[in-house]
Amino acid sequence: MNWDQIEGNWKQLKGKAKANWGDLTDDELQKVEGRREELVGLVQEKYGKARAAAEREVDEWSHGV
């Protein structure tokens, strides 16, 4: 799924993101609103990952939704 589709369907996809990254709060996911860069930054911050690793993880997740 491309990021335009993810942004457009974010309310439905938030649950899948929450299932994948359980440490992210509902409020944090609400603020992301399906924007890739914000989700990458949040995953990077919450999980202590390098930027490239967080980008790879978010991209892998987006291909599975």
PDB file of N, CA and C in Angstrom:
ATOM      1  N   MET A   1       0.861  -1.171   0.000  1.00  0.00           N
ATOM      2  CA  MET A   1       0.000   0.000   0.000  1.00  0.00           C
ATOM      3  C   MET A   1       0.904   1.229   0.000  1.00  0.00           C
ATOM      4  N   ASN A   2       0.552   2.214  -0.812  1.00  0.00           N
ATOM      5  CA  ASN A   2       1.387   3.412  -0.838  1.00  0.00           C
ATOM      6  C   ASN A   2       0.960   4.369   0.281  1.00  0.00           C
ATOM      7  N   TRP A   3       1.788   5.379   0.513  1.00  0.00           N
ATOM      8  CA  TRP A   3       1.562   6.252   1.670  1.00  0.00           C
ATOM      9  C   TRP A   3       0.357   7.158   1.509  1.00  0.00           C
ATOM     10  N   ASP A   4      -0.037   7.471   0.299  1.00  0.00           N
ATOM     11  CA  ASP A   4      -1.271   8.237   0.107  1.00  0.00           C
ATOM     12  C   ASP A   4      -2.469   7.423   0.582  1.00  0.00           C
ATOM     13  N   GLN A   5      -2.449   6.133   0.270  1.00  0.00           N
ATOM     14  CA  GLN A   5      -3.524   5.247   0.715  1.00  0.00           C
ATOM     15  C   GLN A   5      -3.493   5.069   2.229  1.00  0.00           C
ATOM     16  N   ILE A   6      -2.312   4.945   2.783  1.00  0.00           N
ATOM     17  CA  ILE A   6      -2.179   4.772   4.230  1.00  0.00           C
ATOM     18  C   ILE A   6      -2.708   6.008   4.947  1.00  0.00           C
ATOM     19  N   GLU A   7      -2.323   7.186   4.473  1.00  0.00           N
ATOM     20  CA  GLU A   7      -2.827   8.418   5.091  1.00  0.00           C
ATOM     21  C   GLU A   7      -4.343   8.495   4.999  1.00  0.00           C
ATOM     22  N   GLY A   8      -4.893   8.134   3.861  1.00  0.00           N
ATOM     23  CA  GLY A   8      -6.326   8.199   3.665  1.00  0.00           C
ATOM     24  C   GLY A   8      -7.104   7.207   4.508  1.00  0.00           C
ATOM     25  N   ASN A   9      -6.478   6.094   4.850  1.00  0.00           N
ATOM     26  CA  ASN A   9      -7.133   5.044   5.627  1.00  0.00           C
ATOM     27  C   ASN A   9      -6.543   4.914   7.034  1.00  0.00           C
ATOM     28  N   TRP A  10      -5.915   5.963   7.527  1.00  0.00           N
ATOM     29  CA  TRP A  10      -5.175   5.875   8.777  1.00  0.00           C
ATOM     30  C   TRP A  10      -6.046   5.439   9.952  1.00  0.00           C
ATOM     31  N   LYS A  11      -7.290   5.895  10.008  1.00  0.00           N
ATOM     32  CA  LYS A  11      -8.151   5.512  11.134  1.00  0.00           C
ATOM     33  C   LYS A  11      -8.308   3.995  11.197  1.00  0.00           C
ATOM     34  N   GLN A  12      -8.411   3.342  10.056  1.00  0.00           N
ATOM     35  CA  GLN A  12      -8.538   1.892  10.026  1.00  0.00           C
ATOM     36  C   GLN A  12      -7.187   1.198  10.260  1.00  0.00           C
ATOM     37  N   LEU A  13      -6.106   1.829   9.833  1.00  0.00           N
ATOM     38  CA  LEU A  13      -4.789   1.196   9.908  1.00  0.00           C
ATOM     39  C   LEU A  13      -4.077   1.430  11.234  1.00  0.00           C
ATOM     40  N   LYS A  14      -4.578   2.364  12.036  1.00  0.00           N
ATOM     41  CA  LYS A  14      -3.936   2.630  13.336  1.00  0.00           C
ATOM     42  C   LYS A  14      -3.853   1.363  14.179  1.00  0.00           C
ATOM     43  N   GLY A  15      -4.885   0.549  14.134  1.00  0.00           N
ATOM     44  CA  GLY A  15      -4.891  -0.694  14.912  1.00  0.00           C
ATOM     45  C   GLY A  15      -3.785  -1.641  14.491  1.00  0.00           C
ATOM     46  N   LYS A  16      -3.532  -1.708  13.187  1.00  0.00           N
ATOM     47  CA  LYS A  16      -2.446  -2.561  12.688  1.00  0.00           C
ATOM     48  C   LYS A  16      -1.090  -2.009  13.110  1.00  0.00           C
ATOM     49  N   ALA A  17      -0.973  -0.697  13.105  1.00  0.00           N
ATOM     50  CA  ALA A  17       0.278  -0.085  13.556  1.00  0.00           C
ATOM     51  C   ALA A  17       0.475  -0.351  15.045  1.00  0.00           C
ATOM     52  N   LYS A  18      -0.604  -0.239  15.821  1.00  0.00           N
ATOM     53  CA  LYS A  18      -0.543  -0.485  17.271  1.00  0.00           C
ATOM     54  C   LYS A  18      -0.149  -1.942  17.540  1.00  0.00           C
ATOM     55  N   ALA A  19      -0.687  -2.861  16.736  1.00  0.00           N
ATOM     56  CA  ALA A  19      -0.340  -4.278  16.895  1.00  0.00           C
ATOM     57  C   ALA A  19       1.133  -4.523  16.587  1.00  0.00           C
ATOM     58  N   ASN A  20       1.667  -3.791  15.635  1.00  0.00           N
ATOM     59  CA  ASN A  20       3.068  -3.967  15.247  1.00  0.00           C
ATOM     60  C   ASN A  20       4.020  -3.290  16.227  1.00  0.00           C
ATOM     61  N   TRP A  21       3.648  -2.107  16.694  1.00  0.00           N
ATOM     62  CA  TRP A  21       4.485  -1.343  17.627  1.00  0.00           C
ATOM     63  C   TRP A  21       3.676  -1.068  18.886  1.00  0.00           C
ATOM     64  N   GLY A  22       3.609  -2.049  19.766  1.00  0.00           N
ATOM     65  CA  GLY A  22       2.770  -1.982  20.956  1.00  0.00           C
ATOM     66  C   GLY A  22       3.131  -0.878  21.931  1.00  0.00           C
ATOM     67  N   ASP A  23       4.354  -0.359  21.871  1.00  0.00           N
ATOM     68  CA  ASP A  23       4.760   0.695  22.792  1.00  0.00           C
ATOM     69  C   ASP A  23       4.241   2.072  22.387  1.00  0.00           C
ATOM     70  N   LEU A  24       3.722   2.190  21.179  1.00  0.00           N
ATOM     71  CA  LEU A  24       3.191   3.478  20.734  1.00  0.00           C
ATOM     72  C   LEU A  24       1.789   3.668  21.307  1.00  0.00           C
ATOM     73  N   THR A  25       1.530   4.853  21.809  1.00  0.00           N
ATOM     74  CA  THR A  25       0.226   5.124  22.406  1.00  0.00           C
ATOM     75  C   THR A  25      -0.780   5.519  21.329  1.00  0.00           C
ATOM     76  N   ASP A  26      -2.045   5.426  21.687  1.00  0.00           N
ATOM     77  CA  ASP A  26      -3.096   5.845  20.762  1.00  0.00           C
ATOM     78  C   ASP A  26      -2.943   7.316  20.402  1.00  0.00           C
ATOM     79  N   ASP A  27      -2.596   8.140  21.383  1.00  0.00           N
ATOM     80  CA  ASP A  27      -2.406   9.573  21.128  1.00  0.00           C
ATOM     81  C   ASP A  27      -1.266   9.814  20.134  1.00  0.00           C
ATOM     82  N   GLU A  28      -0.164   9.088  20.302  1.00  0.00           N
ATOM     83  CA  GLU A  28       0.969   9.247  19.381  1.00  0.00           C
ATOM     84  C   GLU A  28       0.577   8.838  17.967  1.00  0.00           C
ATOM     85  N   LEU A  29      -0.143   7.724  17.860  1.00  0.00           N
ATOM     86  CA  LEU A  29      -0.572   7.267  16.540  1.00  0.00           C
ATOM     87  C   LEU A  29      -1.581   8.224  15.926  1.00  0.00           C
ATOM     88  N   GLN A  30      -2.412   8.828  16.746  1.00  0.00           N
ATOM     89  CA  GLN A  30      -3.376   9.809  16.255  1.00  0.00           C
ATOM     90  C   GLN A  30      -2.647  11.007  15.646  1.00  0.00           C
ATOM     91  N   LYS A  31      -1.593  11.468  16.307  1.00  0.00           N
ATOM     92  CA  LYS A  31      -0.842  12.630  15.833  1.00  0.00           C
ATOM     93  C   LYS A  31      -0.085  12.347  14.539  1.00  0.00           C
ATOM     94  N   VAL A  32       0.331  11.106  14.337  1.00  0.00           N
ATOM     95  CA  VAL A  32       1.060  10.729  13.131  1.00  0.00           C
ATOM     96  C   VAL A  32       0.178  10.895  11.899  1.00  0.00           C
ATOM     97  N   GLU A  33      -1.091  10.574  12.026  1.00  0.00           N
ATOM     98  CA  GLU A  33      -2.068  10.706  10.942  1.00  0.00           C
ATOM     99  C   GLU A  33      -1.613  10.039   9.649  1.00  0.00           C
ATOM    100  N   GLY A  34      -0.866   8.956   9.750  1.00  0.00           N
ATOM    101  CA  GLY A  34      -0.461   8.213   8.566  1.00  0.00           C
ATOM    102  C   GLY A  34       0.717   8.774   7.814  1.00  0.00           C
ATOM    103  N   ARG A  35       1.358   9.788   8.349  1.00  0.00           N
ATOM    104  CA  ARG A  35       2.518  10.379   7.656  1.00  0.00           C
ATOM    105  C   ARG A  35       3.764   9.537   7.935  1.00  0.00           C
ATOM    106  N   ARG A  36       4.400   9.105   6.874  1.00  0.00           N
ATOM    107  CA  ARG A  36       5.539   8.189   6.969  1.00  0.00           C
ATOM    108  C   ARG A  36       6.669   8.749   7.830  1.00  0.00           C
ATOM    109  N   GLU A  37       7.082   9.975   7.537  1.00  0.00           N
ATOM    110  CA  GLU A  37       8.228  10.550   8.256  1.00  0.00           C
ATOM    111  C   GLU A  37       7.964  10.654   9.752  1.00  0.00           C
ATOM    112  N   GLU A  38       6.756  10.999  10.122  1.00  0.00           N
ATOM    113  CA  GLU A  38       6.425  11.100  11.543  1.00  0.00           C
ATOM    114  C   GLU A  38       6.405   9.725  12.198  1.00  0.00           C
ATOM    115  N   LEU A  39       5.894   8.723  11.486  1.00  0.00           N
ATOM    116  CA  LEU A  39       5.884   7.365  12.032  1.00  0.00           C
ATOM    117  C   LEU A  39       7.299   6.838  12.183  1.00  0.00           C
ATOM    118  N   VAL A  40       8.146   7.095  11.200  1.00  0.00           N
ATOM    119  CA  VAL A  40       9.550   6.677  11.284  1.00  0.00           C
ATOM    120  C   VAL A  40      10.213   7.321  12.503  1.00  0.00           C
ATOM    121  N   GLY A  41      10.018   8.615  12.684  1.00  0.00           N
ATOM    122  CA  GLY A  41      10.612   9.313  13.827  1.00  0.00           C
ATOM    123  C   GLY A  41      10.113   8.773  15.151  1.00  0.00           C
ATOM    124  N   LEU A  42       8.848   8.441  15.217  1.00  0.00           N
ATOM    125  CA  LEU A  42       8.266   7.907  16.441  1.00  0.00           C
ATOM    126  C   LEU A  42       8.830   6.522  16.763  1.00  0.00           C
ATOM    127  N   VAL A  43       8.921   5.674  15.752  1.00  0.00           N
ATOM    128  CA  VAL A  43       9.494   4.333  15.939  1.00  0.00           C
ATOM    129  C   VAL A  43      10.956   4.454  16.349  1.00  0.00           C
ATOM    130  N   GLN A  44      11.668   5.363  15.713  1.00  0.00           N
ATOM    131  CA  GLN A  44      13.081   5.579  16.040  1.00  0.00           C
ATOM    132  C   GLN A  44      13.228   6.000  17.497  1.00  0.00           C
ATOM    133  N   GLU A  45      12.430   6.943  17.920  1.00  0.00           N
ATOM    134  CA  GLU A  45      12.512   7.473  19.279  1.00  0.00           C
ATOM    135  C   GLU A  45      12.085   6.441  20.324  1.00  0.00           C
ATOM    136  N   LYS A  46      10.952   5.806  20.123  1.00  0.00           N
ATOM    137  CA  LYS A  46      10.394   4.889  21.117  1.00  0.00           C
ATOM    138  C   LYS A  46      11.213   3.622  21.284  1.00  0.00           C
ATOM    139  N   TYR A  47      11.791   3.150  20.187  1.00  0.00           N
ATOM    140  CA  TYR A  47      12.492   1.871  20.218  1.00  0.00           C
ATOM    141  C   TYR A  47      14.008   2.014  20.167  1.00  0.00           C
ATOM    142  N   GLY A  48      14.508   3.244  20.134  1.00  0.00           N
ATOM    143  CA  GLY A  48      15.953   3.479  20.151  1.00  0.00           C
ATOM    144  C   GLY A  48      16.661   2.919  18.928  1.00  0.00           C
ATOM    145  N   LYS A  49      16.016   3.008  17.785  1.00  0.00           N
ATOM    146  CA  LYS A  49      16.593   2.461  16.556  1.00  0.00           C
ATOM    147  C   LYS A  49      17.294   3.564  15.765  1.00  0.00           C
ATOM    148  N   ALA A  50      18.227   3.146  14.941  1.00  0.00           N
ATOM    149  CA  ALA A  50      18.857   4.073  14.002  1.00  0.00           C
ATOM    150  C   ALA A  50      17.810   4.471  12.966  1.00  0.00           C
ATOM    151  N   ARG A  51      17.987   5.637  12.374  1.00  0.00           N
ATOM    152  CA  ARG A  51      17.010   6.149  11.399  1.00  0.00           C
ATOM    153  C   ARG A  51      16.782   5.151  10.264  1.00  0.00           C
ATOM    154  N   ALA A  52      17.846   4.598   9.722  1.00  0.00           N
ATOM    155  CA  ALA A  52      17.727   3.659   8.598  1.00  0.00           C
ATOM    156  C   ALA A  52      16.955   2.404   9.006  1.00  0.00           C
ATOM    157  N   ALA A  53      17.187   1.923  10.212  1.00  0.00           N
ATOM    158  CA  ALA A  53      16.484   0.729  10.687  1.00  0.00           C
ATOM    159  C   ALA A  53      15.000   1.011  10.880  1.00  0.00           C
ATOM    160  N   ALA A  54      14.676   2.181  11.417  1.00  0.00           N
ATOM    161  CA  ALA A  54      13.275   2.559  11.612  1.00  0.00           C
ATOM    162  C   ALA A  54      12.582   2.723  10.262  1.00  0.00           C
ATOM    163  N   GLU A  55      13.258   3.326   9.288  1.00  0.00           N
ATOM    164  CA  GLU A  55      12.679   3.488   7.953  1.00  0.00           C
ATOM    165  C   GLU A  55      12.404   2.137   7.310  1.00  0.00           C
ATOM    166  N   ARG A  56      13.348   1.225   7.438  1.00  0.00           N
ATOM    167  CA  ARG A  56      13.197  -0.112   6.867  1.00  0.00           C
ATOM    168  C   ARG A  56      12.007  -0.832   7.512  1.00  0.00           C
ATOM    169  N   GLU A  57      11.895  -0.733   8.828  1.00  0.00           N
ATOM    170  CA  GLU A  57      10.808  -1.386   9.555  1.00  0.00           C
ATOM    171  C   GLU A  57       9.445  -0.818   9.149  1.00  0.00           C
ATOM    172  N   VAL A  58       9.348   0.498   9.051  1.00  0.00           N
ATOM    173  CA  VAL A  58       8.087   1.136   8.655  1.00  0.00           C
ATOM    174  C   VAL A  58       7.743   0.770   7.211  1.00  0.00           C
ATOM    175  N   ASP A  59       8.728   0.739   6.336  1.00  0.00           N
ATOM    176  CA  ASP A  59       8.471   0.381   4.939  1.00  0.00           C
ATOM    177  C   ASP A  59       8.013  -1.076   4.819  1.00  0.00           C
ATOM    178  N   GLU A  60       8.621  -1.975   5.584  1.00  0.00           N
ATOM    179  CA  GLU A  60       8.194  -3.374   5.570  1.00  0.00           C
ATOM    180  C   GLU A  60       6.749  -3.489   6.067  1.00  0.00           C
ATOM    181  N   TRP A  61       6.431  -2.752   7.114  1.00  0.00           N
ATOM    182  CA  TRP A  61       5.063  -2.762   7.632  1.00  0.00           C
ATOM    183  C   TRP A  61       4.073  -2.252   6.581  1.00  0.00           C
ATOM    184  N   SER A  62       4.438  -1.185   5.882  1.00  0.00           N
ATOM    185  CA  SER A  62       3.519  -0.593   4.905  1.00  0.00           C
ATOM    186  C   SER A  62       3.236  -1.541   3.741  1.00  0.00           C
ATOM    187  N   HIS A  63       4.168  -2.403   3.417  1.00  0.00           N
ATOM    188  CA  HIS A  63       3.950  -3.347   2.322  1.00  0.00           C
ATOM    189  C   HIS A  63       3.033  -4.489   2.754  1.00  0.00           C
ATOM    190  N   GLY A  64       2.919  -4.707   4.059  1.00  0.00           N
ATOM    191  CA  GLY A  64       2.075  -5.784   4.563  1.00  0.00           C
ATOM    192  C   GLY A  64       0.643  -5.395   4.871  1.00  0.00           C
ATOM    193  N   VAL A  65       0.338  -4.101   4.825  1.00  0.00           N
ATOM    194  CA  VAL A  65      -1.038  -3.668   5.141  1.00  0.00           C
ATOM    195  C   VAL A  65      -1.869  -3.535   3.885  1.00  0.00           C
TER     196      VAL A  65
END
